[in-house]
């Protein structure tokens, strides 16, 4: 796998597109194209608790993806508000997926899609690999081919229930909606394989959540692997955050090596 050189990564070109999505939303899509023919599309989804951050956060990731032979993509999605919740964000992620798939089909032919997400973005990545959840958003929607979940949120029935903002008045209906849109409970045979990566010092999303998600995938017959990173805090995959850039680069390179073994790079 190609070494991660920060100067080379930061200097790699990318395109900026603006697309219209559901309900009149305008989304920004950042795309880094490889020099040769790509093996896949790597769609990186930022976190921020569904309340903050932007697609710019994943710029190093999409540039490195292009340097390693994939189409690297990052995009905005609607953040939580009084009128929008995670279902709207998932609509946006599906719209981006459709747009990029069509764009790449024109340039290269059909390409598999790997959805990679950090924290709240890990939620969307997990949803994109789940047939039930993409079908809830749009009947017949095509799921991603592989998922990389970096300390992602997979259960909306507890502390993350604020992700469902448009809550029904009936309490039992509210709880049902939160459960229905939780990857933990929606896993089913035929979903995309998942690589789960979680730090054992994560104080935001507990490590126990990663084990529960892995067990749910196993029970559903979905191929899943959990990699626990010793000493890693939450959002260990972000540059300029909790961990130094050298550590982040080493983890990202390891993920790419894993994807290369799966023939996505």
Protein backbone atom coordinates (compact mmCIF):
# COMPACT_ATOMS: atom_id res chain seq x y z
CA UNK A 1 0.00 0.00 0.00
CA UNK A 2 1.26 3.45 -0.93
CA UNK A 3 2.90 5.37 1.92
CA UNK A 4 0.98 8.33 3.32
CA UNK A 5 2.95 11.49 2.55
CA UNK A 6 1.08 14.50 3.93
CA UNK A 7 2.57 16.97 1.44
CA UNK A 8 1.66 14.71 -1.48
CA UNK A 9 -1.82 14.11 -0.10
CA UNK A 10 -2.51 17.81 0.52
CA UNK A 11 -1.38 18.69 -2.99
CA UNK A 12 -3.60 16.18 -4.76
CA UNK A 13 -6.38 17.80 -6.84
CA UNK A 14 -10.07 17.27 -6.28
CA UNK A 15 -13.32 18.46 -7.82
CA UNK A 16 -16.19 20.20 -6.07
CA UNK A 17 -19.75 19.51 -7.23
CA UNK A 18 -23.09 20.83 -6.00
CA UNK A 19 -26.15 18.62 -6.36
CA UNK A 20 -29.83 18.90 -5.50
CA UNK A 21 -31.19 16.20 -3.22
CA UNK A 22 -34.50 15.35 -1.59
CA UNK A 23 -36.78 18.12 -0.34
CA UNK A 24 -34.78 20.76 -2.23
CA UNK A 25 -31.60 20.27 -0.22
CA UNK A 26 -28.35 21.44 -1.81
CA UNK A 27 -25.37 19.18 -1.13
CA UNK A 28 -21.68 19.72 -1.69
CA UNK A 29 -19.72 16.74 -3.05
CA UNK A 30 -15.92 16.56 -3.06
CA UNK A 31 -14.40 14.02 -5.47
CA UNK A 32 -10.76 13.00 -5.97
CA UNK A 33 -10.14 10.92 -9.09
CA UNK A 34 -7.19 8.53 -9.45
CA UNK A 35 -4.80 8.80 -12.38
CA UNK A 36 -5.65 5.35 -13.68
CA UNK A 37 -8.78 3.22 -13.79
CA UNK A 38 -10.20 2.85 -10.26
CA UNK A 39 -11.23 -0.37 -8.59
CA UNK A 40 -13.87 1.22 -6.39
CA UNK A 41 -15.53 4.30 -4.95
CA UNK A 42 -14.62 5.11 -1.34
CA UNK A 43 -17.33 7.31 0.19
CA UNK A 44 -16.11 8.94 3.43
CA UNK A 45 -18.78 10.37 5.75
CA UNK A 46 -17.87 12.89 8.43
CA UNK A 47 -19.11 12.82 12.01
CA UNK A 48 -19.89 15.63 14.42
CA UNK A 49 -22.85 14.16 16.27
CA UNK A 50 -25.08 14.97 13.25
CA UNK A 51 -24.89 18.57 14.47
CA UNK A 52 -21.59 19.93 13.19
CA UNK A 53 -18.52 19.56 10.94
CA UNK A 54 -18.42 19.32 7.15
CA UNK A 55 -17.21 17.30 4.19
CA UNK A 56 -13.91 19.20 4.27
CA UNK A 57 -12.95 17.09 7.30
CA UNK A 58 -12.44 14.07 5.05
CA UNK A 59 -10.35 15.79 2.37
CA UNK A 60 -7.09 13.98 3.31
CA UNK A 61 -8.95 10.69 3.17
CA UNK A 62 -10.40 11.18 -0.32
CA UNK A 63 -7.08 12.43 -1.68
CA UNK A 64 -5.22 9.45 -0.26
CA UNK A 65 -7.91 7.17 -1.72
CA UNK A 66 -7.25 8.61 -5.18
CA UNK A 67 -3.49 8.20 -4.73
CA UNK A 68 -4.15 4.55 -3.88
CA UNK A 69 -6.32 3.93 -6.95
CA UNK A 70 -9.92 4.60 -5.91
CA UNK A 71 -12.39 7.42 -6.48
CA UNK A 72 -12.44 9.27 -3.16
CA UNK A 73 -15.69 11.01 -2.18
CA UNK A 74 -16.84 13.16 0.72
CA UNK A 75 -20.09 15.08 0.90
CA UNK A 76 -22.21 17.33 3.05
CA UNK A 77 -25.54 16.19 4.46
CA UNK A 78 -28.26 18.05 6.28
CA UNK A 79 -27.41 18.47 9.94
CA UNK A 80 -29.97 18.14 12.70
CA UNK A 81 -32.46 20.96 13.11
CA UNK A 82 -36.01 21.42 14.30
CA UNK A 83 -37.20 20.07 10.95
CA UNK A 84 -34.54 17.54 9.96
CA UNK A 85 -33.16 14.39 11.54
CA UNK A 86 -30.99 11.39 10.63
CA UNK A 87 -33.55 10.16 8.13
CA UNK A 88 -32.99 13.32 6.12
CA UNK A 89 -29.23 12.90 6.39
CA UNK A 90 -29.56 9.34 5.13
CA UNK A 91 -31.62 10.58 2.17
CA UNK A 92 -28.76 12.94 1.38
CA UNK A 93 -26.13 10.21 1.61
CA UNK A 94 -28.18 8.04 -0.76
CA UNK A 95 -28.51 10.97 -3.17
CA UNK A 96 -24.73 11.43 -3.15
CA UNK A 97 -24.24 7.71 -3.69
CA UNK A 98 -26.59 7.78 -6.70
CA UNK A 99 -24.86 10.84 -8.14
CA UNK A 100 -21.34 9.45 -7.79
CA UNK A 101 -22.31 6.00 -9.06
CA UNK A 102 -23.82 7.56 -12.20
CA UNK A 103 -20.82 9.84 -12.70
CA UNK A 104 -18.35 6.96 -12.39
CA UNK A 105 -20.48 4.65 -14.52
CA UNK A 106 -20.14 7.17 -17.33
CA UNK A 107 -16.37 7.43 -16.90
CA UNK A 108 -15.33 3.92 -15.90
CA UNK A 109 -18.29 1.54 -15.89
CA UNK A 110 -19.77 -0.06 -12.78
CA UNK A 111 -17.69 0.29 -9.61
CA UNK A 112 -18.27 -1.18 -6.15
CA UNK A 113 -18.83 1.28 -3.30
CA UNK A 114 -17.22 1.21 0.13
CA UNK A 115 -18.94 3.44 2.70
CA UNK A 116 -16.59 4.61 5.46
CA UNK A 117 -17.82 6.75 8.34
CA UNK A 118 -16.58 8.22 11.61
CA UNK A 119 -18.90 8.39 14.64
CA UNK A 120 -22.18 9.95 13.42
CA UNK A 121 -20.82 9.35 9.92
CA UNK A 122 -20.30 5.73 10.95
CA UNK A 123 -24.05 5.60 11.51
CA UNK A 124 -24.68 6.64 7.93
CA UNK A 125 -22.05 4.24 6.59
CA UNK A 126 -23.68 1.36 8.49
CA UNK A 127 -27.10 2.42 7.17
CA UNK A 128 -25.84 2.52 3.58
CA UNK A 129 -24.78 -1.11 3.88
CA UNK A 130 -28.13 -2.21 5.33
CA UNK A 131 -30.86 -3.25 2.88
CA UNK A 132 -33.73 -2.55 5.29
CA UNK A 133 -32.59 0.98 6.03
CA UNK A 134 -31.86 2.10 2.48
CA UNK A 135 -35.23 0.62 1.43
CA UNK A 136 -36.98 2.60 4.17
CA UNK A 137 -35.61 5.76 2.62
CA UNK A 138 -36.27 4.79 -0.99
CA UNK A 139 -37.84 1.60 -2.30
CA UNK A 140 -35.35 -0.26 -4.50
CA UNK A 141 -32.34 1.79 -3.37
CA UNK A 142 -29.02 0.03 -3.88
CA UNK A 143 -26.89 -0.53 -0.76
CA UNK A 144 -23.14 -0.04 -0.54
CA UNK A 145 -20.95 -3.09 -1.19
CA UNK A 146 -18.79 -2.83 1.93
CA UNK A 147 -18.83 -0.79 5.15
CA UNK A 148 -16.04 0.51 7.35
CA UNK A 149 -17.46 1.69 10.68
CA UNK A 150 -15.08 3.86 12.71
CA UNK A 151 -16.50 4.14 16.25
CA UNK A 152 -19.94 4.56 14.73
CA UNK A 153 -23.32 5.11 16.37
CA UNK A 154 -25.50 2.06 15.70
CA UNK A 155 -28.25 2.29 18.36
CA UNK A 156 -30.70 5.21 18.45
CA UNK A 157 -32.72 3.89 21.38
CA UNK A 158 -30.43 5.27 24.10
CA UNK A 159 -28.30 8.41 24.41
CA UNK A 160 -28.43 8.98 20.65
CA UNK A 161 -32.22 9.14 20.45
CA UNK A 162 -31.91 12.87 19.68
CA UNK A 163 -31.00 11.76 16.14
CA UNK A 164 -34.73 11.29 15.54
CA UNK A 165 -35.88 14.88 15.87
CA UNK A 166 -39.32 14.62 14.30
CA UNK A 167 -40.62 12.45 17.12
CA UNK A 168 -44.16 11.09 16.97
CA UNK A 169 -46.39 12.18 19.84
CA UNK A 170 -47.01 8.62 20.95
CA UNK A 171 -44.12 7.42 23.11
CA UNK A 172 -44.28 3.81 21.91
CA UNK A 173 -44.26 4.99 18.29
CA UNK A 174 -41.22 7.16 19.02
CA UNK A 175 -39.33 4.20 20.45
CA UNK A 176 -40.32 2.04 17.51
CA UNK A 177 -38.97 4.63 15.05
CA UNK A 178 -35.68 4.87 16.91
CA UNK A 179 -35.35 1.10 16.85
CA UNK A 180 -36.32 0.80 13.18
CA UNK A 181 -33.59 3.24 12.16
CA UNK A 182 -30.87 1.64 14.29
CA UNK A 183 -28.36 -0.49 12.32
CA UNK A 184 -28.01 -2.63 15.45
CA UNK A 185 -31.60 -3.87 15.06
CA UNK A 186 -31.92 -3.70 11.27
CA UNK A 187 -29.08 -6.09 10.37
CA UNK A 188 -30.20 -8.89 8.08
CA UNK A 189 -28.78 -11.54 5.78
CA UNK A 190 -27.68 -9.97 2.50
CA UNK A 191 -26.34 -6.77 4.05
CA UNK A 192 -22.88 -5.53 3.13
CA UNK A 193 -19.90 -6.99 5.03
CA UNK A 194 -18.64 -4.67 7.79
CA UNK A 195 -15.25 -3.84 9.25
CA UNK A 196 -15.77 -2.29 12.70
CA UNK A 197 -12.88 -0.36 14.24
CA UNK A 198 -13.17 1.03 17.76
CA UNK A 199 -10.76 2.43 20.32
CA UNK A 200 -10.65 0.98 23.82
CA UNK A 201 -10.40 4.51 25.25
CA UNK A 202 -13.46 5.86 23.49
CA UNK A 203 -15.45 7.97 25.96
CA UNK A 204 -18.10 9.03 23.44
CA UNK A 205 -19.33 5.78 21.90
CA UNK A 206 -18.55 2.94 24.33
CA UNK A 207 -16.63 -0.09 23.09
CA UNK A 208 -19.52 -2.27 24.27
CA UNK A 209 -21.61 -0.78 21.44
CA UNK A 210 -19.12 -2.09 18.89
CA UNK A 211 -19.31 -5.59 20.37
CA UNK A 212 -23.11 -5.45 20.35
CA UNK A 213 -23.14 -4.40 16.70
CA UNK A 214 -20.67 -7.13 15.74
CA UNK A 215 -22.79 -9.72 17.56
CA UNK A 216 -25.96 -8.49 15.81
CA UNK A 217 -24.27 -8.78 12.41
CA UNK A 218 -23.01 -12.26 13.27
CA UNK A 219 -26.48 -13.35 14.37
CA UNK A 220 -27.93 -12.08 11.08
CA UNK A 221 -25.32 -13.93 9.03
CA UNK A 222 -23.58 -10.74 7.86
CA UNK A 223 -19.78 -11.03 7.54
CA UNK A 224 -18.27 -8.76 10.20
CA UNK A 225 -14.90 -8.19 11.79
CA UNK A 226 -14.21 -6.10 14.89
CA UNK A 227 -10.78 -4.55 15.34
CA UNK A 228 -10.18 -2.99 18.78
CA UNK A 229 -7.45 -0.34 18.76
CA UNK A 230 -5.52 -0.29 22.01
CA UNK A 231 -5.12 3.21 23.42
CA UNK A 232 -7.28 4.84 20.75
CA UNK A 233 -9.76 7.57 21.69
CA UNK A 234 -12.93 8.56 19.88
CA UNK A 235 -12.53 9.81 16.28
CA UNK A 236 -9.09 8.23 15.99
CA UNK A 237 -9.32 8.45 12.20
CA UNK A 238 -9.44 12.26 12.03
CA UNK A 239 -6.38 14.36 11.29
CA UNK A 240 -5.72 17.26 13.64
CA UNK A 241 -7.96 15.86 16.35
CA UNK A 242 -7.26 13.56 19.33
CA UNK A 243 -4.29 11.67 17.89
CA UNK A 244 -1.19 12.91 16.07
CA UNK A 245 -1.28 12.80 12.29
CA UNK A 246 1.30 10.01 12.09
CA UNK A 247 -0.95 7.69 14.08
CA UNK A 248 -4.02 8.59 12.02
CA UNK A 249 -2.09 8.01 8.79
CA UNK A 250 -0.92 4.59 9.99
CA UNK A 251 -4.48 3.51 10.81
CA UNK A 252 -5.82 4.80 7.49
CA UNK A 253 -3.05 3.01 5.62
CA UNK A 254 -3.90 -0.22 7.47
CA UNK A 255 -7.55 0.15 6.49
CA UNK A 256 -6.57 0.65 2.87
CA UNK A 257 -4.33 -2.42 3.00
CA UNK A 258 -7.32 -4.38 4.31
CA UNK A 259 -9.48 -3.06 1.46
CA UNK A 260 -6.76 -4.01 -1.02
CA UNK A 261 -6.95 -7.58 0.26
CA UNK A 262 -10.70 -7.44 -0.49
CA UNK A 263 -9.87 -6.15 -3.99
CA UNK A 264 -11.36 -2.69 -3.47
CA UNK A 265 -7.96 -1.04 -4.01
